[in-house]
């Protein structure tokens, strides 16, 4: 998978477009988003590097569409990269073949997004109390946690088999 083929580039572009479109479907619910579950699924299917590229393109498109690009964009990118890296480590464990555990870990990683983002925000803006700042966002973290668990379970059940069947040559390890 190290080489960049036209099929891989097309896959990355289509998955970023699909993720951007999918984020619009839940935009009216605060932080109830399928986007992290989608990135985790792409990592499961095609590996960290492909998922990272899909994530970067999607976040840039999303931020241009909603609030512009600023320091928060970098915080989001780093937070998602951290989560995708942790997910990749989890996938190498011998527990990763259990779907229930995958959904649970995906949900916990969804909850952790706000923590990683809060650390960088507090440091960047020199906010005095991390705990207070972080506590204000716990509802949003819980919302992302639930959404990530639900959507990852759905994607793992329906989208992953479809990807494996239609484009097996892009699956990691092949």
C-alpha atoms as a PDB file:
ATOM      1  CA  UNK A   1       0.000   0.000   0.000  1.00  0.00           C
ATOM      2  CA  UNK A   2       3.059   2.233   0.064  1.00  0.00           C
ATOM      3  CA  UNK A   3       2.740   3.215  -3.567  1.00  0.00           C
ATOM      4  CA  UNK A   4       0.276   5.892  -4.606  1.00  0.00           C
ATOM      5  CA  UNK A   5      -1.991   4.584  -7.289  1.00  0.00           C
ATOM      6  CA  UNK A   6      -4.828   6.266  -9.126  1.00  0.00           C
ATOM      7  CA  UNK A   7      -7.243   3.911  -7.386  1.00  0.00           C
ATOM      8  CA  UNK A   8      -5.898   4.852  -3.942  1.00  0.00           C
ATOM      9  CA  UNK A   9      -6.020   8.596  -4.704  1.00  0.00           C
ATOM     10  CA  UNK A  10      -9.577   8.220  -5.975  1.00  0.00           C
ATOM     11  CA  UNK A  11     -10.498   6.234  -2.861  1.00  0.00           C
ATOM     12  CA  UNK A  12      -9.075   8.941  -0.572  1.00  0.00           C
ATOM     13  CA  UNK A  13     -10.918  11.698  -2.453  1.00  0.00           C
ATOM     14  CA  UNK A  14     -14.216   9.819  -2.480  1.00  0.00           C
ATOM     15  CA  UNK A  15     -13.979   8.901   1.195  1.00  0.00           C
ATOM     16  CA  UNK A  16     -13.193  12.534   2.114  1.00  0.00           C
ATOM     17  CA  UNK A  17     -16.194  13.668   0.061  1.00  0.00           C
ATOM     18  CA  UNK A  18     -18.391  11.033   1.681  1.00  0.00           C
ATOM     19  CA  UNK A  19     -17.177  12.018   5.170  1.00  0.00           C
ATOM     20  CA  UNK A  20     -17.834  15.700   4.429  1.00  0.00           C
ATOM     21  CA  UNK A  21     -21.317  14.900   3.214  1.00  0.00           C
ATOM     22  CA  UNK A  22     -21.935  12.635   6.191  1.00  0.00           C
ATOM     23  CA  UNK A  23     -20.954  15.394   8.611  1.00  0.00           C
ATOM     24  CA  UNK A  24     -23.677  17.574   7.119  1.00  0.00           C
ATOM     25  CA  UNK A  25     -26.294  14.956   7.986  1.00  0.00           C
ATOM     26  CA  UNK A  26     -25.829  15.484  11.725  1.00  0.00           C
ATOM     27  CA  UNK A  27     -24.775  19.137  11.767  1.00  0.00           C
ATOM     28  CA  UNK A  28     -27.934  20.167  13.641  1.00  0.00           C
ATOM     29  CA  UNK A  29     -27.015  17.986  16.652  1.00  0.00           C
ATOM     30  CA  UNK A  30     -24.212  19.375  18.855  1.00  0.00           C
ATOM     31  CA  UNK A  31     -21.177  17.132  18.455  1.00  0.00           C
ATOM     32  CA  UNK A  32     -23.291  14.095  17.489  1.00  0.00           C
ATOM     33  CA  UNK A  33     -21.185  13.236  14.468  1.00  0.00           C
ATOM     34  CA  UNK A  34     -20.331  10.165  12.449  1.00  0.00           C
ATOM     35  CA  UNK A  35     -17.016  11.576  11.305  1.00  0.00           C
ATOM     36  CA  UNK A  36     -14.707   9.947  13.866  1.00  0.00           C
ATOM     37  CA  UNK A  37     -16.395   6.568  13.398  1.00  0.00           C
ATOM     38  CA  UNK A  38     -15.818   6.929   9.664  1.00  0.00           C
ATOM     39  CA  UNK A  39     -12.122   7.750  10.170  1.00  0.00           C
ATOM     40  CA  UNK A  40     -11.752   4.743  12.470  1.00  0.00           C
ATOM     41  CA  UNK A  41     -13.399   2.520   9.884  1.00  0.00           C
ATOM     42  CA  UNK A  42     -11.053   3.761   7.146  1.00  0.00           C
ATOM     43  CA  UNK A  43      -8.123   3.032   9.486  1.00  0.00           C
ATOM     44  CA  UNK A  44      -9.474  -0.473  10.062  1.00  0.00           C
ATOM     45  CA  UNK A  45      -9.926  -1.047   6.342  1.00  0.00           C
ATOM     46  CA  UNK A  46      -6.985   0.690   4.746  1.00  0.00           C
ATOM     47  CA  UNK A  47      -4.560   1.711   7.481  1.00  0.00           C
ATOM     48  CA  UNK A  48      -3.337   4.784   9.314  1.00  0.00           C
ATOM     49  CA  UNK A  49      -1.823   6.699   6.388  1.00  0.00           C
ATOM     50  CA  UNK A  50      -4.917   6.469   4.184  1.00  0.00           C
ATOM     51  CA  UNK A  51      -7.241   7.364   7.063  1.00  0.00           C
ATOM     52  CA  UNK A  52      -5.003  10.298   7.989  1.00  0.00           C
ATOM     53  CA  UNK A  53      -5.197  11.703   4.477  1.00  0.00           C
ATOM     54  CA  UNK A  54      -8.979  11.278   4.411  1.00  0.00           C
ATOM     55  CA  UNK A  55      -9.200  12.960   7.816  1.00  0.00           C
ATOM     56  CA  UNK A  56      -6.999  15.938   6.899  1.00  0.00           C
ATOM     57  CA  UNK A  57      -8.933  16.650   3.707  1.00  0.00           C
ATOM     58  CA  UNK A  58     -12.276  16.252   5.490  1.00  0.00           C
ATOM     59  CA  UNK A  59     -11.365  18.530   8.406  1.00  0.00           C
ATOM     60  CA  UNK A  60     -10.039  21.234   6.094  1.00  0.00           C
ATOM     61  CA  UNK A  61     -13.209  21.092   3.980  1.00  0.00           C
ATOM     62  CA  UNK A  62     -15.403  21.078   7.085  1.00  0.00           C
ATOM     63  CA  UNK A  63     -13.649  24.029   8.696  1.00  0.00           C
ATOM     64  CA  UNK A  64     -13.756  26.048   5.488  1.00  0.00           C
ATOM     65  CA  UNK A  65     -17.478  25.339   5.279  1.00  0.00           C
ATOM     66  CA  UNK A  66     -18.352  26.155   8.888  1.00  0.00           C
ATOM     67  CA  UNK A  67     -16.034  28.464  10.795  1.00  0.00           C
ATOM     68  CA  UNK A  68     -12.873  29.088   8.872  1.00  0.00           C
ATOM     69  CA  UNK A  69      -9.373  27.900   9.577  1.00  0.00           C
ATOM     70  CA  UNK A  70      -7.605  28.878  12.767  1.00  0.00           C
ATOM     71  CA  UNK A  71      -5.672  27.348  15.641  1.00  0.00           C
ATOM     72  CA  UNK A  72      -8.634  25.058  16.365  1.00  0.00           C
ATOM     73  CA  UNK A  73      -8.035  23.376  12.997  1.00  0.00           C
ATOM     74  CA  UNK A  74      -4.539  22.333  14.058  1.00  0.00           C
ATOM     75  CA  UNK A  75      -5.917  21.145  17.425  1.00  0.00           C
ATOM     76  CA  UNK A  76      -8.547  19.034  15.650  1.00  0.00           C
ATOM     77  CA  UNK A  77      -6.006  17.544  13.244  1.00  0.00           C
ATOM     78  CA  UNK A  78      -3.602  16.637  16.057  1.00  0.00           C
ATOM     79  CA  UNK A  79      -6.426  15.221  18.196  1.00  0.00           C
ATOM     80  CA  UNK A  80      -7.701  13.058  15.354  1.00  0.00           C
ATOM     81  CA  UNK A  81      -4.168  11.901  14.472  1.00  0.00           C
ATOM     82  CA  UNK A  82      -3.611  10.905  18.112  1.00  0.00           C
ATOM     83  CA  UNK A  83      -6.898   8.989  18.155  1.00  0.00           C
ATOM     84  CA  UNK A  84      -6.177   7.265  14.830  1.00  0.00           C
ATOM     85  CA  UNK A  85      -2.724   6.308  16.129  1.00  0.00           C
ATOM     86  CA  UNK A  86      -4.229   4.839  19.299  1.00  0.00           C
ATOM     87  CA  UNK A  87      -6.817   2.997  17.180  1.00  0.00           C
ATOM     88  CA  UNK A  88      -4.060   1.582  14.969  1.00  0.00           C
ATOM     89  CA  UNK A  89      -2.269   0.329  18.091  1.00  0.00           C
ATOM     90  CA  UNK A  90      -5.505  -1.265  19.304  1.00  0.00           C
ATOM     91  CA  UNK A  91      -5.955  -2.995  15.934  1.00  0.00           C
ATOM     92  CA  UNK A  92      -2.587  -4.713  16.348  1.00  0.00           C
ATOM     93  CA  UNK A  93      -3.696  -6.325  19.628  1.00  0.00           C
ATOM     94  CA  UNK A  94      -5.159  -9.811  19.738  1.00  0.00           C
ATOM     95  CA  UNK A  95      -8.389  -8.383  21.240  1.00  0.00           C
ATOM     96  CA  UNK A  96      -9.197  -6.311  18.164  1.00  0.00           C
ATOM     97  CA  UNK A  97     -11.237  -9.034  16.430  1.00  0.00           C
ATOM     98  CA  UNK A  98     -14.097  -8.663  18.936  1.00  0.00           C
ATOM     99  CA  UNK A  99     -16.719  -6.329  17.488  1.00  0.00           C
ATOM    100  CA  UNK A 100     -18.178  -5.377  20.874  1.00  0.00           C
ATOM    101  CA  UNK A 101     -14.744  -4.355  22.107  1.00  0.00           C
ATOM    102  CA  UNK A 102     -14.099  -2.422  18.891  1.00  0.00           C
ATOM    103  CA  UNK A 103     -17.320  -0.446  19.366  1.00  0.00           C
ATOM    104  CA  UNK A 104     -16.481   0.229  23.029  1.00  0.00           C
ATOM    105  CA  UNK A 105     -12.941   1.391  22.277  1.00  0.00           C
ATOM    106  CA  UNK A 106     -14.220   3.526  19.385  1.00  0.00           C
ATOM    107  CA  UNK A 107     -16.698   5.186  21.767  1.00  0.00           C
ATOM    108  CA  UNK A 108     -13.990   5.799  24.390  1.00  0.00           C
ATOM    109  CA  UNK A 109     -11.740   7.328  21.761  1.00  0.00           C
ATOM    110  CA  UNK A 110     -14.649   9.547  20.767  1.00  0.00           C
ATOM    111  CA  UNK A 111     -14.895  10.683  24.373  1.00  0.00           C
ATOM    112  CA  UNK A 112     -11.156  11.407  24.442  1.00  0.00           C
ATOM    113  CA  UNK A 113     -11.334  13.823  21.489  1.00  0.00           C
ATOM    114  CA  UNK A 114     -12.456  16.687  23.727  1.00  0.00           C
ATOM    115  CA  UNK A 115      -9.687  15.948  26.226  1.00  0.00           C
ATOM    116  CA  UNK A 116      -6.921  16.152  23.607  1.00  0.00           C
ATOM    117  CA  UNK A 117      -8.483  19.245  22.089  1.00  0.00           C
ATOM    118  CA  UNK A 118      -8.873  20.910  25.510  1.00  0.00           C
ATOM    119  CA  UNK A 119      -5.228  20.340  26.428  1.00  0.00           C
ATOM    120  CA  UNK A 120      -4.038  22.122  23.302  1.00  0.00           C
ATOM    121  CA  UNK A 121      -6.587  24.937  23.631  1.00  0.00           C
ATOM    122  CA  UNK A 122      -5.675  25.624  27.271  1.00  0.00           C
ATOM    123  CA  UNK A 123      -1.961  25.651  26.452  1.00  0.00           C
ATOM    124  CA  UNK A 124      -2.332  27.802  23.336  1.00  0.00           C
ATOM    125  CA  UNK A 125      -4.607  30.428  24.883  1.00  0.00           C
ATOM    126  CA  UNK A 126      -2.943  30.268  28.349  1.00  0.00           C
ATOM    127  CA  UNK A 127      -6.246  29.540  30.068  1.00  0.00           C
ATOM    128  CA  UNK A 128      -5.851  29.332  33.848  1.00  0.00           C
ATOM    129  CA  UNK A 129      -7.877  26.235  34.766  1.00  0.00           C
ATOM    130  CA  UNK A 130      -7.804  23.164  32.576  1.00  0.00           C
ATOM    131  CA  UNK A 131     -10.351  21.286  34.718  1.00  0.00           C
ATOM    132  CA  UNK A 132     -12.994  23.990  34.453  1.00  0.00           C
ATOM    133  CA  UNK A 133     -12.474  24.416  30.718  1.00  0.00           C
ATOM    134  CA  UNK A 134     -12.595  20.665  30.136  1.00  0.00           C
ATOM    135  CA  UNK A 135     -15.667  20.143  32.348  1.00  0.00           C
ATOM    136  CA  UNK A 136     -17.640  22.660  30.278  1.00  0.00           C
ATOM    137  CA  UNK A 137     -17.307  20.405  27.254  1.00  0.00           C
ATOM    138  CA  UNK A 138     -18.151  17.056  28.868  1.00  0.00           C
ATOM    139  CA  UNK A 139     -21.672  17.032  27.394  1.00  0.00           C
ATOM    140  CA  UNK A 140     -20.207  17.415  23.908  1.00  0.00           C
ATOM    141  CA  UNK A 141     -17.624  14.709  24.616  1.00  0.00           C
ATOM    142  CA  UNK A 142     -20.363  12.356  25.778  1.00  0.00           C
ATOM    143  CA  UNK A 143     -22.382  13.142  22.669  1.00  0.00           C
ATOM    144  CA  UNK A 144     -19.406  12.353  20.409  1.00  0.00           C
ATOM    145  CA  UNK A 145     -18.744   9.193  22.436  1.00  0.00           C
ATOM    146  CA  UNK A 146     -22.276   7.880  21.895  1.00  0.00           C
ATOM    147  CA  UNK A 147     -22.347   8.874  18.227  1.00  0.00           C
ATOM    148  CA  UNK A 148     -18.956   7.290  17.526  1.00  0.00           C
ATOM    149  CA  UNK A 149     -19.986   4.021  19.176  1.00  0.00           C
ATOM    150  CA  UNK A 150     -23.313   3.860  17.315  1.00  0.00           C
ATOM    151  CA  UNK A 151     -21.930   4.826  13.923  1.00  0.00           C
ATOM    152  CA  UNK A 152     -18.833   2.635  14.200  1.00  0.00           C
ATOM    153  CA  UNK A 153     -21.042  -0.355  14.974  1.00  0.00           C
ATOM    154  CA  UNK A 154     -23.218   0.427  11.955  1.00  0.00           C
ATOM    155  CA  UNK A 155     -20.257   1.041   9.651  1.00  0.00           C
ATOM    156  CA  UNK A 156     -18.424  -2.061  10.853  1.00  0.00           C
ATOM    157  CA  UNK A 157     -21.505  -4.149  10.143  1.00  0.00           C
ATOM    158  CA  UNK A 158     -22.437  -2.690   6.748  1.00  0.00           C
ATOM    159  CA  UNK A 159     -19.711  -0.544   5.169  1.00  0.00           C
ATOM    160  CA  UNK A 160     -16.612  -2.585   6.047  1.00  0.00           C
ATOM    161  CA  UNK A 161     -17.840  -5.780   4.334  1.00  0.00           C
ATOM    162  CA  UNK A 162     -18.807  -3.701   1.296  1.00  0.00           C
ATOM    163  CA  UNK A 163     -15.337  -2.149   1.065  1.00  0.00           C
ATOM    164  CA  UNK A 164     -13.666  -5.532   1.524  1.00  0.00           C
ATOM    165  CA  UNK A 165     -15.830  -7.033  -1.219  1.00  0.00           C
ATOM    166  CA  UNK A 166     -15.640  -4.172  -3.764  1.00  0.00           C
ATOM    167  CA  UNK A 167     -12.039  -2.975  -3.405  1.00  0.00           C
ATOM    168  CA  UNK A 168     -10.032  -5.664  -1.622  1.00  0.00           C
ATOM    169  CA  UNK A 169      -6.796  -4.456  -3.197  1.00  0.00           C
ATOM    170  CA  UNK A 170      -6.950  -1.289  -1.063  1.00  0.00           C
ATOM    171  CA  UNK A 171      -7.396  -3.195   2.190  1.00  0.00           C
ATOM    172  CA  UNK A 172      -4.369  -2.989   4.437  1.00  0.00           C
ATOM    173  CA  UNK A 173      -2.101  -5.986   4.478  1.00  0.00           C
ATOM    174  CA  UNK A 174      -2.670  -6.828   0.819  1.00  0.00           C
END
